[in-house]
Amino acid sequence: MRNALEAAQDGINHTVLIHDVYRGPLNPEQCVARRDTASHFCKVQLLIDSYGLYSAVTKQDPAPGTDNSMLYHVKALRYLLDNGNVEVLGWIDNRNMLADGLTKGKPDRSDINNVLNTGVWTRCHPA
């Protein structure tokens, strides 16, 4: 949960940086305004492999279930979604994750090699 929230916040900050590069320099106050109002020209999409986290954030009344220490993180991520700072929160079946092949010995690395050779990633399992 914390990593997902951190990734979303980093993605938002990077979009402001990209906005600055493509549309011209902004002063600090303008950067904060772009970030807070989600008025940058590229959008953040956050894809996670935890269905529990996905359902905690996307349900009608966002809540982390039994782990109350995550309540503020769930609500913060939901706020970013509702505010438009994160355009999409999506769940991806972890069998589609290429990164597992880089960090674990078991996954087949042919998918990684295919993506590196073609630049195209195709999901094999529903999300």
N, C-alpha and C. Protein backbone atom coordinates (compact mmCIF):
# COMPACT_ATOMS: atom_id res chain seq x y z
N MET A 1 0.83 -1.19 0.00
CA MET A 1 0.00 0.00 0.00
C MET A 1 0.86 1.25 0.00
N ARG A 2 1.83 1.27 0.89
CA ARG A 2 2.70 2.45 0.96
C ARG A 2 3.47 2.64 -0.35
N ASN A 3 3.93 1.54 -0.92
CA ASN A 3 4.67 1.64 -2.19
C ASN A 3 3.79 2.14 -3.32
N ALA A 4 2.54 1.70 -3.35
CA ALA A 4 1.62 2.15 -4.39
C ALA A 4 1.37 3.65 -4.26
N LEU A 5 1.15 4.11 -3.04
CA LEU A 5 0.92 5.53 -2.81
C LEU A 5 2.16 6.34 -3.18
N GLU A 6 3.32 5.84 -2.79
CA GLU A 6 4.57 6.53 -3.12
C GLU A 6 4.79 6.58 -4.63
N ALA A 7 4.49 5.48 -5.32
CA ALA A 7 4.63 5.44 -6.78
C ALA A 7 3.69 6.44 -7.43
N ALA A 8 2.45 6.53 -6.93
CA ALA A 8 1.50 7.50 -7.48
C ALA A 8 2.00 8.92 -7.28
N GLN A 9 2.49 9.22 -6.10
CA GLN A 9 2.98 10.57 -5.83
C GLN A 9 4.21 10.90 -6.68
N ASP A 10 5.10 9.94 -6.85
CA ASP A 10 6.26 10.16 -7.72
C ASP A 10 5.82 10.36 -9.16
N GLY A 11 4.85 9.58 -9.60
CA GLY A 11 4.33 9.73 -10.96
C GLY A 11 3.74 11.11 -11.18
N ILE A 12 3.02 11.61 -10.20
CA ILE A 12 2.42 12.96 -10.30
C ILE A 12 3.52 14.00 -10.41
N ASN A 13 4.55 13.87 -9.57
CA ASN A 13 5.66 14.83 -9.63
C ASN A 13 6.38 14.75 -10.96
N HIS A 14 6.53 13.56 -11.51
CA HIS A 14 7.18 13.41 -12.81
C HIS A 14 6.35 14.03 -13.94
N THR A 15 5.03 13.95 -13.84
CA THR A 15 4.20 14.57 -14.88
C THR A 15 4.34 16.08 -14.86
N VAL A 16 4.51 16.65 -13.66
CA VAL A 16 4.74 18.10 -13.59
C VAL A 16 6.09 18.43 -14.22
N LEU A 17 7.09 17.60 -13.99
CA LEU A 17 8.40 17.80 -14.61
C LEU A 17 8.29 17.71 -16.13
N ILE A 18 7.59 16.71 -16.62
CA ILE A 18 7.41 16.54 -18.07
C ILE A 18 6.65 17.74 -18.65
N HIS A 19 5.64 18.19 -17.92
CA HIS A 19 4.90 19.38 -18.34
C HIS A 19 5.85 20.57 -18.47
N ASP A 20 6.72 20.72 -17.49
CA ASP A 20 7.69 21.81 -17.48
C ASP A 20 8.63 21.72 -18.69
N VAL A 21 9.06 20.53 -19.05
CA VAL A 21 9.97 20.34 -20.17
C VAL A 21 9.28 20.65 -21.50
N TYR A 22 8.06 20.16 -21.68
CA TYR A 22 7.37 20.32 -22.96
C TYR A 22 6.63 21.63 -23.13
N ARG A 23 6.17 22.21 -22.03
CA ARG A 23 5.36 23.43 -22.14
C ARG A 23 6.07 24.68 -21.61
N GLY A 24 7.29 24.55 -21.15
CA GLY A 24 8.04 25.70 -20.66
C GLY A 24 8.15 25.73 -19.16
N PRO A 25 9.12 26.48 -18.66
CA PRO A 25 9.40 26.51 -17.23
C PRO A 25 8.25 27.11 -16.41
N LEU A 26 8.09 26.55 -15.24
CA LEU A 26 7.10 27.03 -14.28
C LEU A 26 7.82 27.47 -13.01
N ASN A 27 7.25 28.44 -12.34
CA ASN A 27 7.82 28.79 -11.04
C ASN A 27 7.28 27.79 -10.00
N PRO A 28 7.84 27.77 -8.81
CA PRO A 28 7.40 26.77 -7.82
C PRO A 28 5.90 26.79 -7.52
N GLU A 29 5.33 27.97 -7.44
CA GLU A 29 3.89 28.06 -7.14
C GLU A 29 3.06 27.46 -8.28
N GLN A 30 3.49 27.67 -9.52
CA GLN A 30 2.79 27.09 -10.67
C GLN A 30 2.93 25.57 -10.68
N CYS A 31 4.10 25.08 -10.32
CA CYS A 31 4.30 23.61 -10.23
C CYS A 31 3.35 23.00 -9.22
N VAL A 32 3.24 23.62 -8.05
CA VAL A 32 2.34 23.12 -7.01
C VAL A 32 0.90 23.18 -7.49
N ALA A 33 0.52 24.26 -8.17
CA ALA A 33 -0.85 24.39 -8.68
C ALA A 33 -1.13 23.32 -9.72
N ARG A 34 -0.20 23.06 -10.62
CA ARG A 34 -0.38 21.99 -11.62
C ARG A 34 -0.57 20.65 -10.93
N ARG A 35 0.27 20.38 -9.94
CA ARG A 35 0.20 19.11 -9.23
C ARG A 35 -1.13 18.98 -8.48
N ASP A 36 -1.51 20.00 -7.76
CA ASP A 36 -2.70 19.91 -6.90
C ASP A 36 -4.00 19.90 -7.68
N THR A 37 -4.02 20.50 -8.87
CA THR A 37 -5.25 20.56 -9.65
C THR A 37 -5.27 19.54 -10.79
N ALA A 38 -4.23 18.73 -10.89
CA ALA A 38 -4.12 17.71 -11.95
C ALA A 38 -4.27 18.33 -13.32
N SER A 39 -3.65 19.50 -13.51
CA SER A 39 -3.78 20.19 -14.79
C SER A 39 -2.55 20.03 -15.67
N HIS A 40 -1.80 18.96 -15.46
CA HIS A 40 -0.67 18.66 -16.33
C HIS A 40 -1.19 17.89 -17.53
N PHE A 41 -0.45 17.92 -18.64
CA PHE A 41 -1.01 17.38 -19.88
C PHE A 41 -0.87 15.86 -20.02
N CYS A 42 -0.04 15.22 -19.24
CA CYS A 42 -0.01 13.75 -19.30
C CYS A 42 -0.60 13.20 -17.99
N LYS A 43 -1.14 12.02 -18.06
CA LYS A 43 -1.88 11.46 -16.94
C LYS A 43 -1.13 10.30 -16.30
N VAL A 44 -1.40 10.08 -15.02
CA VAL A 44 -0.78 9.01 -14.26
C VAL A 44 -1.74 7.82 -14.23
N GLN A 45 -1.22 6.67 -14.59
CA GLN A 45 -1.96 5.41 -14.47
C GLN A 45 -1.16 4.50 -13.55
N LEU A 46 -1.79 4.03 -12.51
CA LEU A 46 -1.13 3.19 -11.52
C LEU A 46 -1.68 1.77 -11.65
N LEU A 47 -0.81 0.82 -11.97
CA LEU A 47 -1.21 -0.58 -12.12
C LEU A 47 -0.56 -1.38 -11.00
N ILE A 48 -1.37 -2.13 -10.27
CA ILE A 48 -0.87 -2.89 -9.12
C ILE A 48 -1.27 -4.35 -9.26
N ASP A 49 -0.57 -5.22 -8.56
CA ASP A 49 -0.88 -6.65 -8.63
C ASP A 49 -1.61 -7.16 -7.39
N SER A 50 -1.93 -6.28 -6.47
CA SER A 50 -2.64 -6.68 -5.25
C SER A 50 -4.14 -6.39 -5.42
N TYR A 51 -4.93 -7.45 -5.59
CA TYR A 51 -6.36 -7.24 -5.76
C TYR A 51 -6.99 -6.71 -4.48
N GLY A 52 -6.44 -7.11 -3.32
CA GLY A 52 -6.95 -6.60 -2.04
C GLY A 52 -6.79 -5.09 -1.94
N LEU A 53 -5.66 -4.59 -2.33
CA LEU A 53 -5.43 -3.15 -2.33
C LEU A 53 -6.33 -2.46 -3.34
N TYR A 54 -6.44 -3.04 -4.52
CA TYR A 54 -7.30 -2.48 -5.56
C TYR A 54 -8.75 -2.36 -5.06
N SER A 55 -9.25 -3.43 -4.47
CA SER A 55 -10.65 -3.39 -4.00
C SER A 55 -10.82 -2.47 -2.80
N ALA A 56 -9.80 -2.36 -1.94
CA ALA A 56 -9.89 -1.46 -0.78
C ALA A 56 -10.03 -0.01 -1.22
N VAL A 57 -9.30 0.35 -2.27
CA VAL A 57 -9.31 1.75 -2.73
C VAL A 57 -10.52 2.06 -3.59
N THR A 58 -10.99 1.09 -4.37
CA THR A 58 -12.04 1.39 -5.35
C THR A 58 -13.46 1.14 -4.84
N LYS A 59 -13.63 0.54 -3.68
CA LYS A 59 -15.00 0.32 -3.21
C LYS A 59 -15.66 1.63 -2.77
N GLN A 60 -16.97 1.60 -2.62
CA GLN A 60 -17.76 2.80 -2.32
C GLN A 60 -17.21 3.57 -1.11
N ASP A 61 -16.93 2.85 -0.02
CA ASP A 61 -16.35 3.48 1.17
C ASP A 61 -14.95 2.91 1.35
N PRO A 62 -13.92 3.57 0.83
CA PRO A 62 -12.57 3.02 0.85
C PRO A 62 -12.11 2.71 2.28
N ALA A 63 -11.64 1.49 2.48
CA ALA A 63 -11.13 1.06 3.79
C ALA A 63 -10.21 -0.12 3.58
N PRO A 64 -9.17 -0.24 4.43
CA PRO A 64 -8.18 -1.30 4.24
C PRO A 64 -8.58 -2.66 4.78
N GLY A 65 -9.76 -2.83 5.27
CA GLY A 65 -10.15 -4.11 5.85
C GLY A 65 -9.72 -4.19 7.31
N THR A 66 -8.95 -5.22 7.65
CA THR A 66 -8.58 -5.43 9.05
C THR A 66 -7.35 -4.64 9.47
N ASP A 67 -6.57 -4.12 8.54
CA ASP A 67 -5.34 -3.40 8.89
C ASP A 67 -5.60 -1.91 8.94
N ASN A 68 -6.02 -1.43 10.11
CA ASN A 68 -6.38 -0.02 10.25
C ASN A 68 -5.20 0.93 10.09
N SER A 69 -3.97 0.42 10.20
CA SER A 69 -2.82 1.30 10.02
C SER A 69 -2.71 1.79 8.57
N MET A 70 -3.42 1.17 7.66
CA MET A 70 -3.38 1.55 6.25
C MET A 70 -4.53 2.47 5.85
N LEU A 71 -5.39 2.82 6.78
CA LEU A 71 -6.57 3.62 6.46
C LEU A 71 -6.21 4.93 5.76
N TYR A 72 -5.25 5.66 6.30
CA TYR A 72 -4.90 6.95 5.71
C TYR A 72 -4.27 6.78 4.33
N HIS A 73 -3.52 5.71 4.13
CA HIS A 73 -2.91 5.45 2.83
C HIS A 73 -3.98 5.13 1.79
N VAL A 74 -4.96 4.31 2.17
CA VAL A 74 -6.06 3.97 1.26
C VAL A 74 -6.84 5.22 0.90
N LYS A 75 -7.16 6.03 1.89
CA LYS A 75 -7.93 7.25 1.63
C LYS A 75 -7.13 8.27 0.83
N ALA A 76 -5.81 8.32 1.05
CA ALA A 76 -4.97 9.25 0.28
C ALA A 76 -4.94 8.83 -1.19
N LEU A 77 -4.81 7.54 -1.45
CA LEU A 77 -4.81 7.07 -2.83
C LEU A 77 -6.16 7.30 -3.48
N ARG A 78 -7.23 7.08 -2.73
CA ARG A 78 -8.57 7.33 -3.27
C ARG A 78 -8.77 8.82 -3.58
N TYR A 79 -8.21 9.68 -2.73
CA TYR A 79 -8.29 11.12 -2.97
C TYR A 79 -7.59 11.47 -4.28
N LEU A 80 -6.42 10.88 -4.52
CA LEU A 80 -5.69 11.14 -5.77
C LEU A 80 -6.50 10.69 -6.98
N LEU A 81 -7.24 9.59 -6.84
CA LEU A 81 -8.11 9.12 -7.92
C LEU A 81 -9.28 10.08 -8.13
N ASP A 82 -9.95 10.43 -7.04
CA ASP A 82 -11.13 11.30 -7.13
C ASP A 82 -10.77 12.69 -7.63
N ASN A 83 -9.58 13.15 -7.27
CA ASN A 83 -9.12 14.49 -7.65
C ASN A 83 -8.61 14.54 -9.09
N GLY A 84 -8.36 13.38 -9.69
CA GLY A 84 -7.87 13.33 -11.06
C GLY A 84 -6.36 13.31 -11.18
N ASN A 85 -5.65 13.32 -10.05
CA ASN A 85 -4.18 13.24 -10.12
C ASN A 85 -3.73 11.89 -10.63
N VAL A 86 -4.44 10.84 -10.26
CA VAL A 86 -4.23 9.51 -10.82
C VAL A 86 -5.45 9.22 -11.67
N GLU A 87 -5.23 9.07 -12.96
CA GLU A 87 -6.35 8.88 -13.89
C GLU A 87 -6.95 7.48 -13.77
N VAL A 88 -6.08 6.48 -13.62
CA VAL A 88 -6.51 5.08 -13.60
C VAL A 88 -5.78 4.34 -12.50
N LEU A 89 -6.54 3.57 -11.72
CA LEU A 89 -5.95 2.58 -10.83
C LEU A 89 -6.41 1.24 -11.37
N GLY A 90 -5.46 0.43 -11.80
CA GLY A 90 -5.81 -0.84 -12.41
C GLY A 90 -5.15 -2.00 -11.70
N TRP A 91 -5.80 -3.15 -11.75
CA TRP A 91 -5.25 -4.37 -11.20
C TRP A 91 -4.75 -5.24 -12.34
N ILE A 92 -3.54 -5.76 -12.18
CA ILE A 92 -2.92 -6.65 -13.15
C ILE A 92 -2.62 -7.97 -12.46
N ASP A 93 -3.02 -9.06 -13.09
CA ASP A 93 -2.70 -10.39 -12.57
C ASP A 93 -1.18 -10.50 -12.48
N ASN A 94 -0.66 -10.95 -11.33
CA ASN A 94 0.79 -10.96 -11.17
C ASN A 94 1.49 -11.93 -12.13
N ARG A 95 0.76 -12.80 -12.78
CA ARG A 95 1.37 -13.66 -13.79
C ARG A 95 1.75 -12.87 -15.03
N ASN A 96 1.21 -11.66 -15.17
CA ASN A 96 1.56 -10.78 -16.29
C ASN A 96 2.79 -9.92 -16.01
N MET A 97 3.29 -9.97 -14.78
CA MET A 97 4.37 -9.07 -14.40
C MET A 97 5.71 -9.53 -14.96
N LEU A 98 6.35 -8.66 -15.71
CA LEU A 98 7.66 -8.97 -16.25
C LEU A 98 8.75 -8.84 -15.19
N ALA A 99 8.55 -7.98 -14.22
CA ALA A 99 9.58 -7.74 -13.21
C ALA A 99 9.88 -8.99 -12.39
N ASP A 100 8.93 -9.89 -12.24
CA ASP A 100 9.20 -11.12 -11.48
C ASP A 100 10.33 -11.92 -12.10
N GLY A 101 10.43 -11.88 -13.40
CA GLY A 101 11.51 -12.59 -14.08
C GLY A 101 12.87 -11.99 -13.82
N LEU A 102 12.90 -10.74 -13.41
CA LEU A 102 14.18 -10.08 -13.12
C LEU A 102 14.63 -10.34 -11.69
N THR A 103 13.69 -10.65 -10.80
CA THR A 103 14.03 -10.76 -9.38
C THR A 103 13.88 -12.16 -8.81
N LYS A 104 13.21 -13.03 -9.51
CA LYS A 104 12.98 -14.38 -9.00
C LYS A 104 13.48 -15.39 -10.02
N GLY A 105 13.88 -16.54 -9.55
CA GLY A 105 14.44 -17.53 -10.45
C GLY A 105 13.44 -18.35 -11.24
N LYS A 106 12.20 -18.43 -10.78
CA LYS A 106 11.22 -19.35 -11.37
C LYS A 106 10.58 -18.87 -12.69
N PRO A 107 10.19 -17.58 -12.83
CA PRO A 107 9.46 -17.17 -14.03
C PRO A 107 10.26 -17.34 -15.32
N ASP A 108 9.55 -17.60 -16.38
CA ASP A 108 10.13 -17.73 -17.71
C ASP A 108 10.58 -16.35 -18.19
N ARG A 109 11.79 -16.26 -18.67
CA ARG A 109 12.34 -14.98 -19.11
C ARG A 109 12.10 -14.70 -20.59
N SER A 110 11.45 -15.60 -21.29
CA SER A 110 11.20 -15.38 -22.72
C SER A 110 10.29 -14.17 -22.94
N ASP A 111 9.35 -13.93 -22.01
CA ASP A 111 8.48 -12.75 -22.13
C ASP A 111 9.28 -11.46 -22.03
N ILE A 112 10.24 -11.42 -21.10
CA ILE A 112 11.08 -10.23 -20.95
C ILE A 112 11.89 -10.00 -22.23
N ASN A 113 12.48 -11.05 -22.74
CA ASN A 113 13.28 -10.94 -23.96
C ASN A 113 12.42 -10.47 -25.14
N ASN A 114 11.20 -10.97 -25.22
CA ASN A 114 10.29 -10.56 -26.30
C ASN A 114 9.97 -9.07 -26.22
N VAL A 115 9.68 -8.58 -25.00
CA VAL A 115 9.37 -7.16 -24.83
C VAL A 115 10.59 -6.31 -25.16
N LEU A 116 11.76 -6.74 -24.71
CA LEU A 116 12.97 -5.97 -25.00
C LEU A 116 13.28 -5.95 -26.49
N ASN A 117 12.98 -7.02 -27.20
CA ASN A 117 13.25 -7.09 -28.64
C ASN A 117 12.23 -6.33 -29.48
N THR A 118 10.97 -6.32 -29.03
CA THR A 118 9.91 -5.73 -29.85
C THR A 118 9.40 -4.39 -29.33
N GLY A 119 9.56 -4.15 -28.02
CA GLY A 119 8.99 -2.95 -27.42
C GLY A 119 7.50 -3.05 -27.20
N VAL A 120 6.94 -4.26 -27.29
CA VAL A 120 5.50 -4.48 -27.14
C VAL A 120 5.26 -5.46 -26.00
N TRP A 121 4.38 -5.08 -25.06
CA TRP A 121 4.01 -5.95 -23.96
C TRP A 121 2.54 -6.35 -24.11
N THR A 122 2.26 -7.63 -24.07
CA THR A 122 0.90 -8.12 -24.21
C THR A 122 0.54 -8.93 -22.98
N ARG A 123 -0.60 -8.60 -22.37
CA ARG A 123 -1.07 -9.36 -21.21
C ARG A 123 -1.55 -10.71 -21.66
N CYS A 124 -1.22 -11.74 -20.88
CA CYS A 124 -1.67 -13.10 -21.19
C CYS A 124 -2.86 -13.51 -20.33
N HIS A 125 -3.04 -12.82 -19.20
CA HIS A 125 -4.10 -13.16 -18.25
C HIS A 125 -4.99 -11.93 -18.04
N PRO A 126 -6.27 -12.14 -17.78
CA PRO A 126 -7.19 -10.99 -17.62
C PRO A 126 -6.82 -10.13 -16.43
N ALA A 127 -7.20 -8.87 -16.51
CA ALA A 127 -6.93 -7.92 -15.42
C ALA A 127 -8.18 -7.12 -15.15
